[in-house]
Amino acid sequence: REGLFKSSQQEMKVIWERVGGTVFED
C-alpha cells in the first residue's frame, strides 16, 4: 500500500503537468 501511495502521488504530478495544471513542489 505504501508503495502504491508514493507511486500514485508521482503519477498524479505527471497528469497535472500534462494537462497544464499547477504542481506544488515544496
mmCIF file of all heavy atoms, coordinates in Angstrom:
data_MODEL
# 
_entry.id   MODEL 
# 
loop_
_atom_site.group_PDB 
_atom_site.id 
_atom_site.type_symbol 
_atom_site.label_atom_id 
_atom_site.label_alt_id 
_atom_site.label_comp_id 
_atom_site.label_asym_id 
_atom_site.label_entity_id 
_atom_site.label_seq_id 
_atom_site.pdbx_PDB_ins_code 
_atom_site.Cartn_x 
_atom_site.Cartn_y 
_atom_site.Cartn_z 
_atom_site.occupancy 
_atom_site.B_iso_or_equiv 
_atom_site.pdbx_formal_charge 
_atom_site.auth_seq_id 
_atom_site.auth_comp_id 
_atom_site.auth_asym_id 
_atom_site.auth_atom_id 
_atom_site.pdbx_PDB_model_num 
ATOM 1   N N   . ARG A 1 1  ? 0.822  -1.207 0.000   1.00 0.00 ? 1  ARG A N   1 
ATOM 2   C CA  . ARG A 1 1  ? 0.000  0.000  0.000   1.00 0.00 ? 1  ARG A CA  1 
ATOM 3   C C   . ARG A 1 1  ? 0.856  1.257  0.000   1.00 0.00 ? 1  ARG A C   1 
ATOM 4   O O   . ARG A 1 1  ? 0.581  2.211  -0.731  1.00 0.00 ? 1  ARG A O   1 
ATOM 5   C CB  . ARG A 1 1  ? -0.927 -0.002 1.225   1.00 0.00 ? 1  ARG A CB  1 
ATOM 6   C CG  . ARG A 1 1  ? -1.866 1.192  1.281   1.00 0.00 ? 1  ARG A CG  1 
ATOM 7   C CD  . ARG A 1 1  ? -2.684 1.203  2.559   1.00 0.00 ? 1  ARG A CD  1 
ATOM 8   N NE  . ARG A 1 1  ? -1.857 1.072  3.744   1.00 0.00 ? 1  ARG A NE  1 
ATOM 9   C CZ  . ARG A 1 1  ? -1.110 2.054  4.247   1.00 0.00 ? 1  ARG A CZ  1 
ATOM 10  N NH1 . ARG A 1 1  ? -1.087 3.236  3.653   1.00 0.00 ? 1  ARG A NH1 1 
ATOM 11  N NH2 . ARG A 1 1  ? -0.393 1.844  5.328   1.00 0.00 ? 1  ARG A NH2 1 
ATOM 12  N N   . GLU A 1 2  ? 1.922  1.277  0.797   1.00 0.00 ? 2  GLU A N   1 
ATOM 13  C CA  . GLU A 1 2  ? 2.799  2.446  0.853   1.00 0.00 ? 2  GLU A CA  1 
ATOM 14  C C   . GLU A 1 2  ? 3.464  2.697  -0.500  1.00 0.00 ? 2  GLU A C   1 
ATOM 15  O O   . GLU A 1 2  ? 3.593  3.847  -0.948  1.00 0.00 ? 2  GLU A O   1 
ATOM 16  C CB  . GLU A 1 2  ? 3.858  2.251  1.934   1.00 0.00 ? 2  GLU A CB  1 
ATOM 17  C CG  . GLU A 1 2  ? 4.818  3.413  2.109   1.00 0.00 ? 2  GLU A CG  1 
ATOM 18  C CD  . GLU A 1 2  ? 4.144  4.666  2.655   1.00 0.00 ? 2  GLU A CD  1 
ATOM 19  O OE1 . GLU A 1 2  ? 3.054  4.552  3.235   1.00 0.00 ? 2  GLU A OE1 1 
ATOM 20  O OE2 . GLU A 1 2  ? 4.734  5.760  2.497   1.00 0.00 ? 2  GLU A OE2 1 
ATOM 21  N N   . GLY A 1 3  ? 3.857  1.627  -1.174  1.00 0.00 ? 3  GLY A N   1 
ATOM 22  C CA  . GLY A 1 3  ? 4.460  1.778  -2.490  1.00 0.00 ? 3  GLY A CA  1 
ATOM 23  C C   . GLY A 1 3  ? 3.481  2.340  -3.502  1.00 0.00 ? 3  GLY A C   1 
ATOM 24  O O   . GLY A 1 3  ? 3.830  3.206  -4.324  1.00 0.00 ? 3  GLY A O   1 
ATOM 25  N N   . LEU A 1 4  ? 2.247  1.865  -3.459  1.00 0.00 ? 4  LEU A N   1 
ATOM 26  C CA  . LEU A 1 4  ? 1.220  2.373  -4.364  1.00 0.00 ? 4  LEU A CA  1 
ATOM 27  C C   . LEU A 1 4  ? 0.895  3.834  -4.060  1.00 0.00 ? 4  LEU A C   1 
ATOM 28  O O   . LEU A 1 4  ? 0.645  4.626  -4.975  1.00 0.00 ? 4  LEU A O   1 
ATOM 29  C CB  . LEU A 1 4  ? -0.044 1.523  -4.246  1.00 0.00 ? 4  LEU A CB  1 
ATOM 30  C CG  . LEU A 1 4  ? 0.055  0.096  -4.808  1.00 0.00 ? 4  LEU A CG  1 
ATOM 31  C CD1 . LEU A 1 4  ? -1.140 -0.741 -4.355  1.00 0.00 ? 4  LEU A CD1 1 
ATOM 32  C CD2 . LEU A 1 4  ? 0.127  0.127  -6.334  1.00 0.00 ? 4  LEU A CD2 1 
ATOM 33  N N   . PHE A 1 5  ? 0.898  4.189  -2.780  1.00 0.00 ? 5  PHE A N   1 
ATOM 34  C CA  . PHE A 1 5  ? 0.632  5.573  -2.389  1.00 0.00 ? 5  PHE A CA  1 
ATOM 35  C C   . PHE A 1 5  ? 1.684  6.514  -2.980  1.00 0.00 ? 5  PHE A C   1 
ATOM 36  O O   . PHE A 1 5  ? 1.348  7.526  -3.616  1.00 0.00 ? 5  PHE A O   1 
ATOM 37  C CB  . PHE A 1 5  ? 0.611  5.684  -0.870  1.00 0.00 ? 5  PHE A CB  1 
ATOM 38  C CG  . PHE A 1 5  ? 0.652  7.087  -0.349  1.00 0.00 ? 5  PHE A CG  1 
ATOM 39  C CD1 . PHE A 1 5  ? -0.397 7.961  -0.602  1.00 0.00 ? 5  PHE A CD1 1 
ATOM 40  C CD2 . PHE A 1 5  ? 1.730  7.538  0.396   1.00 0.00 ? 5  PHE A CD2 1 
ATOM 41  C CE1 . PHE A 1 5  ? -0.364 9.260  -0.128  1.00 0.00 ? 5  PHE A CE1 1 
ATOM 42  C CE2 . PHE A 1 5  ? 1.763  8.832  0.879   1.00 0.00 ? 5  PHE A CE2 1 
ATOM 43  C CZ  . PHE A 1 5  ? 0.725  9.703  0.616   1.00 0.00 ? 5  PHE A CZ  1 
ATOM 44  N N   . LYS A 1 6  ? 2.955  6.194  -2.802  1.00 0.00 ? 6  LYS A N   1 
ATOM 45  C CA  . LYS A 1 6  ? 4.027  7.057  -3.310  1.00 0.00 ? 6  LYS A CA  1 
ATOM 46  C C   . LYS A 1 6  ? 4.026  7.103  -4.829  1.00 0.00 ? 6  LYS A C   1 
ATOM 47  O O   . LYS A 1 6  ? 4.233  8.163  -5.435  1.00 0.00 ? 6  LYS A O   1 
ATOM 48  C CB  . LYS A 1 6  ? 5.377  6.569  -2.786  1.00 0.00 ? 6  LYS A CB  1 
ATOM 49  C CG  . LYS A 1 6  ? 5.543  6.754  -1.275  1.00 0.00 ? 6  LYS A CG  1 
ATOM 50  C CD  . LYS A 1 6  ? 6.900  6.263  -0.801  1.00 0.00 ? 6  LYS A CD  1 
ATOM 51  C CE  . LYS A 1 6  ? 7.061  6.483  0.700   1.00 0.00 ? 6  LYS A CE  1 
ATOM 52  N NZ  . LYS A 1 6  ? 8.372  5.974  1.202   1.00 0.00 ? 6  LYS A NZ  1 
ATOM 53  N N   . SER A 1 7  ? 3.765  5.967  -5.448  1.00 0.00 ? 7  SER A N   1 
ATOM 54  C CA  . SER A 1 7  ? 3.731  5.923  -6.909  1.00 0.00 ? 7  SER A CA  1 
ATOM 55  C C   . SER A 1 7  ? 2.572  6.748  -7.453  1.00 0.00 ? 7  SER A C   1 
ATOM 56  O O   . SER A 1 7  ? 2.725  7.494  -8.424  1.00 0.00 ? 7  SER A O   1 
ATOM 57  C CB  . SER A 1 7  ? 3.620  4.479  -7.381  1.00 0.00 ? 7  SER A CB  1 
ATOM 58  O OG  . SER A 1 7  ? 3.554  4.419  -8.799  1.00 0.00 ? 7  SER A OG  1 
ATOM 59  N N   . SER A 1 8  ? 1.403  6.637  -6.822  1.00 0.00 ? 8  SER A N   1 
ATOM 60  C CA  . SER A 1 8  ? 0.237  7.385  -7.306  1.00 0.00 ? 8  SER A CA  1 
ATOM 61  C C   . SER A 1 8  ? 0.437  8.889  -7.147  1.00 0.00 ? 8  SER A C   1 
ATOM 62  O O   . SER A 1 8  ? -0.049 9.675  -7.976  1.00 0.00 ? 8  SER A O   1 
ATOM 63  C CB  . SER A 1 8  ? -1.030 6.931  -6.569  1.00 0.00 ? 8  SER A CB  1 
ATOM 64  O OG  . SER A 1 8  ? -0.936 7.164  -5.178  1.00 0.00 ? 8  SER A OG  1 
ATOM 65  N N   . GLN A 1 9  ? 1.157  9.313  -6.103  1.00 0.00 ? 9  GLN A N   1 
ATOM 66  C CA  . GLN A 1 9  ? 1.461  10.731 -5.946  1.00 0.00 ? 9  GLN A CA  1 
ATOM 67  C C   . GLN A 1 9  ? 2.263  11.253 -7.138  1.00 0.00 ? 9  GLN A C   1 
ATOM 68  O O   . GLN A 1 9  ? 1.960  12.318 -7.699  1.00 0.00 ? 9  GLN A O   1 
ATOM 69  C CB  . GLN A 1 9  ? 2.250  10.975 -4.651  1.00 0.00 ? 9  GLN A CB  1 
ATOM 70  C CG  . GLN A 1 9  ? 1.427  10.974 -3.383  1.00 0.00 ? 9  GLN A CG  1 
ATOM 71  C CD  . GLN A 1 9  ? 2.269  11.352 -2.187  1.00 0.00 ? 9  GLN A CD  1 
ATOM 72  O OE1 . GLN A 1 9  ? 3.355  10.802 -1.971  1.00 0.00 ? 9  GLN A OE1 1 
ATOM 73  N NE2 . GLN A 1 9  ? 1.773  12.285 -1.379  1.00 0.00 ? 9  GLN A NE2 1 
ATOM 74  N N   . GLN A 1 10 ? 3.281  10.498 -7.526  1.00 0.00 ? 10 GLN A N   1 
ATOM 75  C CA  . GLN A 1 10 ? 4.114  10.913 -8.659  1.00 0.00 ? 10 GLN A CA  1 
ATOM 76  C C   . GLN A 1 10 ? 3.333  10.862 -9.967  1.00 0.00 ? 10 GLN A C   1 
ATOM 77  O O   . GLN A 1 10 ? 3.495  11.727 -10.833 1.00 0.00 ? 10 GLN A O   1 
ATOM 78  C CB  . GLN A 1 10 ? 5.360  10.018 -8.737  1.00 0.00 ? 10 GLN A CB  1 
ATOM 79  C CG  . GLN A 1 10 ? 6.313  10.170 -7.571  1.00 0.00 ? 10 GLN A CG  1 
ATOM 80  C CD  . GLN A 1 10 ? 6.784  11.616 -7.403  1.00 0.00 ? 10 GLN A CD  1 
ATOM 81  O OE1 . GLN A 1 10 ? 7.184  12.261 -8.376  1.00 0.00 ? 10 GLN A OE1 1 
ATOM 82  N NE2 . GLN A 1 10 ? 6.732  12.118 -6.181  1.00 0.00 ? 10 GLN A NE2 1 
ATOM 83  N N   . GLU A 1 11 ? 2.495  9.858  -10.111 1.00 0.00 ? 11 GLU A N   1 
ATOM 84  C CA  . GLU A 1 11 ? 1.715  9.735  -11.340 1.00 0.00 ? 11 GLU A CA  1 
ATOM 85  C C   . GLU A 1 11 ? 0.728  10.890 -11.493 1.00 0.00 ? 11 GLU A C   1 
ATOM 86  O O   . GLU A 1 11 ? 0.481  11.362 -12.601 1.00 0.00 ? 11 GLU A O   1 
ATOM 87  C CB  . GLU A 1 11 ? 0.984  8.397  -11.349 1.00 0.00 ? 11 GLU A CB  1 
ATOM 88  C CG  . GLU A 1 11 ? 1.918  7.204  -11.514 1.00 0.00 ? 11 GLU A CG  1 
ATOM 89  C CD  . GLU A 1 11 ? 1.241  5.870  -11.274 1.00 0.00 ? 11 GLU A CD  1 
ATOM 90  O OE1 . GLU A 1 11 ? -0.007 5.844  -11.257 1.00 0.00 ? 11 GLU A OE1 1 
ATOM 91  O OE2 . GLU A 1 11 ? 1.942  4.860  -11.087 1.00 0.00 ? 11 GLU A OE2 1 
ATOM 92  N N   . MET A 1 12 ? 0.166  11.361 -10.381 1.00 0.00 ? 12 MET A N   1 
ATOM 93  C CA  . MET A 1 12 ? -0.740 12.497 -10.451 1.00 0.00 ? 12 MET A CA  1 
ATOM 94  C C   . MET A 1 12 ? 0.001  13.768 -10.845 1.00 0.00 ? 12 MET A C   1 
ATOM 95  O O   . MET A 1 12 ? -0.532 14.606 -11.590 1.00 0.00 ? 12 MET A O   1 
ATOM 96  C CB  . MET A 1 12 ? -1.457 12.700 -9.123  1.00 0.00 ? 12 MET A CB  1 
ATOM 97  C CG  . MET A 1 12 ? -2.769 11.956 -8.982  1.00 0.00 ? 12 MET A CG  1 
ATOM 98  S SD  . MET A 1 12 ? -3.922 12.186 -10.370 1.00 0.00 ? 12 MET A SD  1 
ATOM 99  C CE  . MET A 1 12 ? -4.088 13.969 -10.429 1.00 0.00 ? 12 MET A CE  1 
ATOM 100 N N   . LYS A 1 13 ? 1.230  13.913 -10.380 1.00 0.00 ? 13 LYS A N   1 
ATOM 101 C CA  . LYS A 1 13 ? 2.006  15.091 -10.783 1.00 0.00 ? 13 LYS A CA  1 
ATOM 102 C C   . LYS A 1 13 ? 2.240  15.098 -12.284 1.00 0.00 ? 13 LYS A C   1 
ATOM 103 O O   . LYS A 1 13 ? 2.183  16.148 -12.938 1.00 0.00 ? 13 LYS A O   1 
ATOM 104 C CB  . LYS A 1 13 ? 3.340  15.124 -10.033 1.00 0.00 ? 13 LYS A CB  1 
ATOM 105 C CG  . LYS A 1 13 ? 3.221  15.518 -8.569  1.00 0.00 ? 13 LYS A CG  1 
ATOM 106 C CD  . LYS A 1 13 ? 4.581  15.697 -7.926  1.00 0.00 ? 13 LYS A CD  1 
ATOM 107 C CE  . LYS A 1 13 ? 4.432  16.171 -6.490  1.00 0.00 ? 13 LYS A CE  1 
ATOM 108 N NZ  . LYS A 1 13 ? 5.749  16.385 -5.831  1.00 0.00 ? 13 LYS A NZ  1 
ATOM 109 N N   . VAL A 1 14 ? 2.484  13.918 -12.847 1.00 0.00 ? 14 VAL A N   1 
ATOM 110 C CA  . VAL A 1 14 ? 2.674  13.813 -14.301 1.00 0.00 ? 14 VAL A CA  1 
ATOM 111 C C   . VAL A 1 14 ? 1.395  14.218 -15.035 1.00 0.00 ? 14 VAL A C   1 
ATOM 112 O O   . VAL A 1 14 ? 1.438  14.931 -16.046 1.00 0.00 ? 14 VAL A O   1 
ATOM 113 C CB  . VAL A 1 14 ? 3.090  12.377 -14.688 1.00 0.00 ? 14 VAL A CB  1 
ATOM 114 C CG1 . VAL A 1 14 ? 3.100  12.216 -16.208 1.00 0.00 ? 14 VAL A CG1 1 
ATOM 115 C CG2 . VAL A 1 14 ? 4.459  12.043 -14.105 1.00 0.00 ? 14 VAL A CG2 1 
ATOM 116 N N   . ILE A 1 15 ? 0.261  13.771 -14.510 1.00 0.00 ? 15 ILE A N   1 
ATOM 117 C CA  . ILE A 1 15 ? -1.020 14.124 -15.136 1.00 0.00 ? 15 ILE A CA  1 
ATOM 118 C C   . ILE A 1 15 ? -1.247 15.623 -15.078 1.00 0.00 ? 15 ILE A C   1 
ATOM 119 O O   . ILE A 1 15 ? -1.636 16.250 -16.078 1.00 0.00 ? 15 ILE A O   1 
ATOM 120 C CB  . ILE A 1 15 ? -2.180 13.366 -14.466 1.00 0.00 ? 15 ILE A CB  1 
ATOM 121 C CG1 . ILE A 1 15 ? -2.112 11.877 -14.822 1.00 0.00 ? 15 ILE A CG1 1 
ATOM 122 C CG2 . ILE A 1 15 ? -3.526 13.944 -14.889 1.00 0.00 ? 15 ILE A CG2 1 
ATOM 123 C CD1 . ILE A 1 15 ? -3.180 11.037 -14.158 1.00 0.00 ? 15 ILE A CD1 1 
ATOM 124 N N   . TRP A 1 16 ? -1.000 16.242 -13.917 1.00 0.00 ? 16 TRP A N   1 
ATOM 125 C CA  . TRP A 1 16 ? -1.196 17.687 -13.810 1.00 0.00 ? 16 TRP A CA  1 
ATOM 126 C C   . TRP A 1 16 ? -0.298 18.437 -14.780 1.00 0.00 ? 16 TRP A C   1 
ATOM 127 O O   . TRP A 1 16 ? -0.729 19.399 -15.429 1.00 0.00 ? 16 TRP A O   1 
ATOM 128 C CB  . TRP A 1 16 ? -0.939 18.160 -12.379 1.00 0.00 ? 16 TRP A CB  1 
ATOM 129 C CG  . TRP A 1 16 ? -1.959 17.749 -11.367 1.00 0.00 ? 16 TRP A CG  1 
ATOM 130 C CD1 . TRP A 1 16 ? -1.726 17.179 -10.147 1.00 0.00 ? 16 TRP A CD1 1 
ATOM 131 C CD2 . TRP A 1 16 ? -3.384 17.879 -11.465 1.00 0.00 ? 16 TRP A CD2 1 
ATOM 132 N NE1 . TRP A 1 16 ? -2.906 16.943 -9.484  1.00 0.00 ? 16 TRP A NE1 1 
ATOM 133 C CE2 . TRP A 1 16 ? -3.944 17.361 -10.270 1.00 0.00 ? 16 TRP A CE2 1 
ATOM 134 C CE3 . TRP A 1 16 ? -4.246 18.374 -12.445 1.00 0.00 ? 16 TRP A CE3 1 
ATOM 135 C CZ2 . TRP A 1 16 ? -5.317 17.339 -10.037 1.00 0.00 ? 16 TRP A CZ2 1 
ATOM 136 C CZ3 . TRP A 1 16 ? -5.617 18.338 -12.209 1.00 0.00 ? 16 TRP A CZ3 1 
ATOM 137 C CH2 . TRP A 1 16 ? -6.131 17.832 -11.022 1.00 0.00 ? 16 TRP A CH2 1 
ATOM 138 N N   . GLU A 1 17 ? 0.947  18.025 -14.878 1.00 0.00 ? 17 GLU A N   1 
ATOM 139 C CA  . GLU A 1 17 ? 1.861  18.686 -15.808 1.00 0.00 ? 17 GLU A CA  1 
ATOM 140 C C   . GLU A 1 17 ? 1.416  18.491 -17.248 1.00 0.00 ? 17 GLU A C   1 
ATOM 141 O O   . GLU A 1 17 ? 1.509  19.401 -18.077 1.00 0.00 ? 17 GLU A O   1 
ATOM 142 C CB  . GLU A 1 17 ? 3.284  18.151 -15.614 1.00 0.00 ? 17 GLU A CB  1 
ATOM 143 C CG  . GLU A 1 17 ? 3.904  18.561 -14.280 1.00 0.00 ? 17 GLU A CG  1 
ATOM 144 C CD  . GLU A 1 17 ? 5.208  17.847 -14.002 1.00 0.00 ? 17 GLU A CD  1 
ATOM 145 O OE1 . GLU A 1 17 ? 5.518  16.870 -14.734 1.00 0.00 ? 17 GLU A OE1 1 
ATOM 146 O OE2 . GLU A 1 17 ? 5.919  18.239 -13.059 1.00 0.00 ? 17 GLU A OE2 1 
ATOM 147 N N   . ARG A 1 18 ? 0.897  17.330 -17.537 1.00 0.00 ? 18 ARG A N   1 
ATOM 148 C CA  . ARG A 1 18 ? 0.466  17.007 -18.891 1.00 0.00 ? 18 ARG A CA  1 
ATOM 149 C C   . ARG A 1 18 ? -0.703 17.879 -19.342 1.00 0.00 ? 18 ARG A C   1 
ATOM 150 O O   . ARG A 1 18 ? -0.808 18.247 -20.504 1.00 0.00 ? 18 ARG A O   1 
ATOM 151 C CB  . ARG A 1 18 ? 0.073  15.528 -18.940 1.00 0.00 ? 18 ARG A CB  1 
ATOM 152 C CG  . ARG A 1 18 ? -0.279 15.003 -20.313 1.00 0.00 ? 18 ARG A CG  1 
ATOM 153 C CD  . ARG A 1 18 ? -0.447 13.490 -20.239 1.00 0.00 ? 18 ARG A CD  1 
ATOM 154 N NE  . ARG A 1 18 ? -0.709 12.908 -21.542 1.00 0.00 ? 18 ARG A NE  1 
ATOM 155 C CZ  . ARG A 1 18 ? -0.690 11.623 -21.794 1.00 0.00 ? 18 ARG A CZ  1 
ATOM 156 N NH1 . ARG A 1 18 ? -0.411 10.770 -20.820 1.00 0.00 ? 18 ARG A NH1 1 
ATOM 157 N NH2 . ARG A 1 18 ? -0.946 11.155 -22.998 1.00 0.00 ? 18 ARG A NH2 1 
ATOM 158 N N   . VAL A 1 19 ? -1.607 18.203 -18.417 1.00 0.00 ? 19 VAL A N   1 
ATOM 159 C CA  . VAL A 1 19 ? -2.787 18.990 -18.777 1.00 0.00 ? 19 VAL A CA  1 
ATOM 160 C C   . VAL A 1 19 ? -2.631 20.467 -18.431 1.00 0.00 ? 19 VAL A C   1 
ATOM 161 O O   . VAL A 1 19 ? -3.585 21.240 -18.569 1.00 0.00 ? 19 VAL A O   1 
ATOM 162 C CB  . VAL A 1 19 ? -4.048 18.427 -18.102 1.00 0.00 ? 19 VAL A CB  1 
ATOM 163 C CG1 . VAL A 1 19 ? -4.298 17.004 -18.547 1.00 0.00 ? 19 VAL A CG1 1 
ATOM 164 C CG2 . VAL A 1 19 ? -3.946 18.503 -16.573 1.00 0.00 ? 19 VAL A CG2 1 
ATOM 165 N N   . GLY A 1 20 ? -1.461 20.876 -17.964 1.00 0.00 ? 20 GLY A N   1 
ATOM 166 C CA  . GLY A 1 20 ? -1.225 22.286 -17.697 1.00 0.00 ? 20 GLY A CA  1 
ATOM 167 C C   . GLY A 1 20 ? -1.653 22.747 -16.327 1.00 0.00 ? 20 GLY A C   1 
ATOM 168 O O   . GLY A 1 20 ? -1.844 23.946 -16.103 1.00 0.00 ? 20 GLY A O   1 
ATOM 169 N N   . GLY A 1 21 ? -1.812 21.822 -15.392 1.00 0.00 ? 21 GLY A N   1 
ATOM 170 C CA  . GLY A 1 21 ? -2.176 22.203 -14.035 1.00 0.00 ? 21 GLY A CA  1 
ATOM 171 C C   . GLY A 1 21 ? -0.966 22.693 -13.259 1.00 0.00 ? 21 GLY A C   1 
ATOM 172 O O   . GLY A 1 21 ? 0.185  22.481 -13.658 1.00 0.00 ? 21 GLY A O   1 
ATOM 173 N N   . THR A 1 22 ? -1.211 23.351 -12.140 1.00 0.00 ? 22 THR A N   1 
ATOM 174 C CA  . THR A 1 22 ? -0.137 23.850 -11.289 1.00 0.00 ? 22 THR A CA  1 
ATOM 175 C C   . THR A 1 22 ? 0.307  22.739 -10.346 1.00 0.00 ? 22 THR A C   1 
ATOM 176 O O   . THR A 1 22 ? -0.515 22.125 -9.673  1.00 0.00 ? 22 THR A O   1 
ATOM 177 C CB  . THR A 1 22 ? -0.612 25.056 -10.466 1.00 0.00 ? 22 THR A CB  1 
ATOM 178 O OG1 . THR A 1 22 ? -0.992 26.104 -11.360 1.00 0.00 ? 22 THR A OG1 1 
ATOM 179 C CG2 . THR A 1 22 ? 0.478  25.552 -9.537  1.00 0.00 ? 22 THR A CG2 1 
ATOM 180 N N   . VAL A 1 23 ? 1.606  22.487 -10.309 1.00 0.00 ? 23 VAL A N   1 
ATOM 181 C CA  . VAL A 1 23 ? 2.164  21.457 -9.436  1.00 0.00 ? 23 VAL A CA  1 
ATOM 182 C C   . VAL A 1 23 ? 3.007  22.135 -8.361  1.00 0.00 ? 23 VAL A C   1 
ATOM 183 O O   . VAL A 1 23 ? 3.951  22.860 -8.670  1.00 0.00 ? 23 VAL A O   1 
ATOM 184 C CB  . VAL A 1 23 ? 3.025  20.453 -10.229 1.00 0.00 ? 23 VAL A CB  1 
ATOM 185 C CG1 . VAL A 1 23 ? 3.626  19.424 -9.286  1.00 0.00 ? 23 VAL A CG1 1 
ATOM 186 C CG2 . VAL A 1 23 ? 2.199  19.778 -11.312 1.00 0.00 ? 23 VAL A CG2 1 
ATOM 187 N N   . PHE A 1 24 ? 2.669  21.912 -7.105  1.00 0.00 ? 24 PHE A N   1 
ATOM 188 C CA  . PHE A 1 24 ? 3.424  22.481 -5.996  1.00 0.00 ? 24 PHE A CA  1 
ATOM 189 C C   . PHE A 1 24 ? 4.531  21.512 -5.606  1.00 0.00 ? 24 PHE A C   1 
ATOM 190 O O   . PHE A 1 24 ? 4.265  20.391 -5.173  1.00 0.00 ? 24 PHE A O   1 
ATOM 191 C CB  . PHE A 1 24 ? 2.498  22.745 -4.806  1.00 0.00 ? 24 PHE A CB  1 
ATOM 192 C CG  . PHE A 1 24 ? 1.508  23.844 -5.054  1.00 0.00 ? 24 PHE A CG  1 
ATOM 193 C CD1 . PHE A 1 24 ? 0.286  23.580 -5.642  1.00 0.00 ? 24 PHE A CD1 1 
ATOM 194 C CD2 . PHE A 1 24 ? 1.812  25.158 -4.724  1.00 0.00 ? 24 PHE A CD2 1 
ATOM 195 C CE1 . PHE A 1 24 ? -0.624 24.592 -5.875  1.00 0.00 ? 24 PHE A CE1 1 
ATOM 196 C CE2 . PHE A 1 24 ? 0.914  26.182 -4.957  1.00 0.00 ? 24 PHE A CE2 1 
ATOM 197 C CZ  . PHE A 1 24 ? -0.311 25.902 -5.540  1.00 0.00 ? 24 PHE A CZ  1 
ATOM 198 N N   . GLU A 1 25 ? 5.756  21.956 -5.767  1.00 0.00 ? 25 GLU A N   1 
ATOM 199 C CA  . GLU A 1 25 ? 6.895  21.085 -5.495  1.00 0.00 ? 25 GLU A CA  1 
ATOM 200 C C   . GLU A 1 25 ? 7.377  21.179 -4.053  1.00 0.00 ? 25 GLU A C   1 
ATOM 201 O O   . GLU A 1 25 ? 8.072  20.293 -3.574  1.00 0.00 ? 25 GLU A O   1 
ATOM 202 C CB  . GLU A 1 25 ? 8.058  21.448 -6.436  1.00 0.00 ? 25 GLU A CB  1 
ATOM 203 C CG  . GLU A 1 25 ? 7.735  21.274 -7.925  1.00 0.00 ? 25 GLU A CG  1 
ATOM 204 C CD  . GLU A 1 25 ? 7.521  19.813 -8.312  1.00 0.00 ? 25 GLU A CD  1 
ATOM 205 O OE1 . GLU A 1 25 ? 7.842  18.932 -7.493  1.00 0.00 ? 25 GLU A OE1 1 
ATOM 206 O OE2 . GLU A 1 25 ? 7.057  19.572 -9.434  1.00 0.00 ? 25 GLU A OE2 1 
ATOM 207 N N   . ASP A 1 26 ? 7.049  22.252 -3.359  1.00 0.00 ? 26 ASP A N   1 
ATOM 208 C CA  . ASP A 1 26 ? 7.531  22.412 -1.989  1.00 0.00 ? 26 ASP A CA  1 
ATOM 209 C C   . ASP A 1 26 ? 6.803  21.455 -1.053  1.00 0.00 ? 26 ASP A C   1 
ATOM 210 O O   . ASP A 1 26 ? 5.725  20.954 -1.349  1.00 0.00 ? 26 ASP A O   1 
ATOM 211 C CB  . ASP A 1 26 ? 7.348  23.855 -1.510  1.00 0.00 ? 26 ASP A CB  1 
ATOM 212 C CG  . ASP A 1 26 ? 5.898  24.300 -1.580  1.00 0.00 ? 26 ASP A CG  1 
ATOM 213 O OD1 . ASP A 1 26 ? 5.244  23.988 -2.593  1.00 0.00 ? 26 ASP A OD1 1 
ATOM 214 O OD2 . ASP A 1 26 ? 5.421  24.935 -0.632  1.00 0.00 ? 26 ASP A OD2 1 
# 
